[in-house]
C-alpha atoms as a PDB file:
ATOM      1  CA  MET A   1      40.339 189.221  61.493  1.00  0.00           C
ATOM      2  CA  THR A   2      41.576 192.409  63.048  1.00  0.00           C
ATOM      3  CA  ALA A   3      44.569 194.300  61.671  1.00  0.00           C
ATOM      4  CA  LYS A   4      46.476 193.415  64.876  1.00  0.00           C
ATOM      5  CA  THR A   5      45.790 189.688  64.406  1.00  0.00           C
ATOM      6  CA  LYS A   6      46.766 189.881  60.734  1.00  0.00           C
ATOM      7  CA  GLN A   7      50.033 191.596  61.659  1.00  0.00           C
ATOM      8  CA  GLY A   8      50.782 188.878  64.237  1.00  0.00           C
ATOM      9  CA  LEU A   9      50.154 186.110  61.715  1.00  0.00           C
ATOM     10  CA  ASP A  10      52.330 187.893  59.146  1.00  0.00           C
ATOM     11  CA  GLU A  11      55.141 187.970  61.719  1.00  0.00           C
ATOM     12  CA  VAL A  12      54.745 184.247  62.439  1.00  0.00           C
ATOM     13  CA  ARG A  13      54.789 183.466  58.707  1.00  0.00           C
ATOM     14  CA  GLU A  14      57.969 185.520  58.282  1.00  0.00           C
ATOM     15  CA  LYS A  15      59.667 183.656  61.162  1.00  0.00           C
ATOM     16  CA  LEU A  16      58.685 180.333  59.604  1.00  0.00           C
ATOM     17  CA  GLY A  17      60.231 181.355  56.291  1.00  0.00           C
ATOM     18  CA  GLY A  18      57.061 181.385  54.218  1.00  0.00           C
ATOM     19  CA  ASP A  19      53.502 180.165  54.175  1.00  0.00           C
ATOM     20  CA  ALA A  20      52.523 177.430  56.594  1.00  0.00           C
ATOM     21  CA  PRO A  21      50.375 174.644  55.132  1.00  0.00           C
ATOM     22  CA  VAL A  22      46.828 174.489  56.468  1.00  0.00           C
ATOM     23  CA  HIS A  23      44.716 171.369  56.082  1.00  0.00           C
ATOM     24  CA  ALA A  24      40.932 171.304  56.465  1.00  0.00           C
ATOM     25  CA  ASP A  25      38.671 168.363  57.284  1.00  0.00           C
ATOM     26  CA  VAL A  26      34.924 168.881  56.964  1.00  0.00           C
ATOM     27  CA  TRP A  27      32.216 166.547  58.270  1.00  0.00           C
ATOM     28  CA  VAL A  28      28.945 166.718  56.316  1.00  0.00           C
ATOM     29  CA  ASP A  29      25.574 165.405  57.483  1.00  0.00           C
ATOM     30  CA  GLY A  30      22.984 163.547  55.402  1.00  0.00           C
ATOM     31  CA  LYS A  31      21.485 166.858  54.235  1.00  0.00           C
ATOM     32  CA  GLY A  32      24.811 168.090  52.829  1.00  0.00           C
ATOM     33  CA  ARG A  33      25.454 170.580  55.645  1.00  0.00           C
ATOM     34  CA  ALA A  34      28.879 171.048  57.184  1.00  0.00           C
ATOM     35  CA  VAL A  35      28.508 170.008  60.837  1.00  0.00           C
ATOM     36  CA  GLN A  36      32.153 170.085  61.905  1.00  0.00           C
ATOM     37  CA  VAL A  37      35.321 171.658  60.512  1.00  0.00           C
ATOM     38  CA  ARG A  38      38.879 171.004  61.694  1.00  0.00           C
ATOM     39  CA  LEU A  39      41.748 173.232  60.528  1.00  0.00           C
ATOM     40  CA  SER A  40      45.286 171.957  61.111  1.00  0.00           C
ATOM     41  CA  CYS A  41      48.382 174.090  60.597  1.00  0.00           C
ATOM     42  CA  PHE A  42      51.874 172.589  60.645  1.00  0.00           C
ATOM     43  CA  GLY A  43      55.099 174.380  59.795  1.00  0.00           C
ATOM     44  CA  GLY A  44      57.428 174.970  62.710  1.00  0.00           C
ATOM     45  CA  MET A  45      54.376 175.006  64.937  1.00  0.00           C
ATOM     46  CA  LYS A  46      51.242 172.941  65.344  1.00  0.00           C
ATOM     47  CA  ALA A  47      47.792 174.444  65.694  1.00  0.00           C
ATOM     48  CA  VAL A  48      44.469 172.631  65.406  1.00  0.00           C
ATOM     49  CA  THR A  49      41.097 174.369  65.563  1.00  0.00           C
ATOM     50  CA  THR A  50      37.786 172.515  65.536  1.00  0.00           C
ATOM     51  CA  LEU A  51      34.440 174.211  64.901  1.00  0.00           C
ATOM     52  CA  THR A  52      31.185 172.326  65.531  1.00  0.00           C
ATOM     53  CA  LEU A  53      28.058 173.664  63.831  1.00  0.00           C
ATOM     54  CA  SER A  54      24.521 172.987  65.072  1.00  0.00           C
ATOM     55  CA  GLY A  55      21.119 174.579  65.519  1.00  0.00           C
ATOM     56  CA  PHE A  56      20.464 174.763  61.781  1.00  0.00           C
ATOM     57  CA  GLY A  57      17.401 176.887  61.005  1.00  0.00           C
ATOM     58  CA  THR A  58      17.428 178.547  64.433  1.00  0.00           C
ATOM     59  CA  PRO A  59      17.112 182.331  64.123  1.00  0.00           C
ATOM     60  CA  VAL A  60      20.043 184.307  65.538  1.00  0.00           C
ATOM     61  CA  LYS A  61      20.691 187.983  66.064  1.00  0.00           C
ATOM     62  CA  ALA A  62      24.166 189.118  65.037  1.00  0.00           C
ATOM     63  CA  GLU A  63      25.685 192.571  65.232  1.00  0.00           C
ATOM     64  CA  ALA A  64      28.436 193.893  63.003  1.00  0.00           C
ATOM     65  CA  PRO A  65      31.761 194.502  64.764  1.00  0.00           C
ATOM     66  CA  PRO A  66      33.145 198.034  65.086  1.00  0.00           C
ATOM     67  CA  THR A  67      34.600 199.329  61.819  1.00  0.00           C
ATOM     68  CA  ASP A  68      38.130 199.477  63.260  1.00  0.00           C
ATOM     69  CA  GLU A  69      38.007 195.710  63.876  1.00  0.00           C
ATOM     70  CA  VAL A  70      37.106 194.821  60.285  1.00  0.00           C
ATOM     71  CA  VAL A  71      39.706 193.915  57.654  1.00  0.00           C
ATOM     72  CA  ALA A  72      38.556 193.595  54.047  1.00  0.00           C
ATOM     73  CA  VAL A  73      39.391 190.364  52.232  1.00  0.00           C
ATOM     74  CA  THR A  74      39.753 190.682  48.476  1.00  0.00           C
ATOM     75  CA  ALA A  75      39.055 187.930  45.966  1.00  0.00           C
ATOM     76  CA  GLY A  76      41.972 185.552  45.643  1.00  0.00           C
ATOM     77  CA  GLU A  77      43.552 186.539  48.973  1.00  0.00           C
ATOM     78  CA  ASP A  78      44.446 183.640  51.256  1.00  0.00           C
ATOM     79  CA  VAL A  79      42.028 184.055  54.142  1.00  0.00           C
ATOM     80  CA  LEU A  80      43.526 181.654  56.695  1.00  0.00           C
ATOM     81  CA  PRO A  81      47.236 182.408  56.517  1.00  0.00           C
ATOM     82  CA  ALA A  82      46.830 186.112  55.704  1.00  0.00           C
END
């Protein structure tokens, strides 16, 4: 998450008067792999994000984002609402 995105979410949280609850549903296949994840946020607003995972075992090439777009997450920090 970029610093700009984090700042925007902090502003939303402040307007809502505190943390917004986030619920997660995870679908798991017969091999124990997460194949779909749905995150739902309710608290003065409603947001639902669904991620479908596939192509297990398929090689991919990923590049690191520019350093100025990286925000460190420390142990114990809430990743989603932060």
